[in-house]
Amino acid sequence: MFRGLVQAVAFVFCLLAMPALAKDRPGEFDYYVLALSWSPTYCTTKNGRKDRRQCNSGRRYSFVVHGLWPQYERGWPDYCRTSRRYVPNKRIRSMLDIMPSKRLVIHQWRKHGTCTDLSQQAYFDLTRELFARFQVPASYVAPSRPLLTTPGELVHDFVTTNLWLKPDMLSVQCGRRRDRANLSELRVCFGRDLKPRACGQNERKTCRARTLVMPPVR
């Protein structure tokens, strides 16, 4: 009887797990997020201080690409099955000007790119194409001193510089602090047709800090 009960419980858990496994299929998602990291914030972290490629003096990165992520309206797929886990060095080198980390390029393909149903080359080409659409407001290109702003002002500056954007297409990320916080990321949402669109529930948890700090470009 006990063995039968264990088998029944195991069967129920298998049934509950099946939808989670089935949903993460390449090409089955609702929209894209292009995540842009503020590199100087990363360079203030423990990992950043060890990262010579991205954070050495003279590496004057401001906004860089964190990744291009396929999203559900709630949640997201990741690590979809693929036979193409390996990323050739030539392809990695071709992305380092906008994604200045070999490890990051590889990780983004394995975790997110595999769920787009794009070839590896097409995924990175699309990442570059979407990033190239942006014009970074002049004051954020290479600040030599810390910039103090607010999440709303940052969104306003991007929307007025890029007239094809609307505020609900952007999400500012800075952690959970409510008083003063460093900018971590700016996320931009695109439909599967590659046109900008309002972000889904995943991006609704935005920065709520009263003061948003942007450390200077080194």
Foldseek 3Di string as FASTA:
>chain_A
DVVVVVVVVVVVVVVVCVVVVVQQAAQRAWWKKWKWWQLVVVCVDPVNVVDCQCRPPPNQDGIATQEIAGHHLPGGHWQHDDPPLDDDPVNLVVRCVRVVDSVSLSRRCRTGVNRHPDDSVVRSVVSVVLVVLFDQQPCRGFDPAKDKDAPVVNLVRRCVRRVQDDSQQKAWAFPDDAAEGETTIIMGMAGPVRRGDGGHPVRPPHDNYPIYIRGGGD
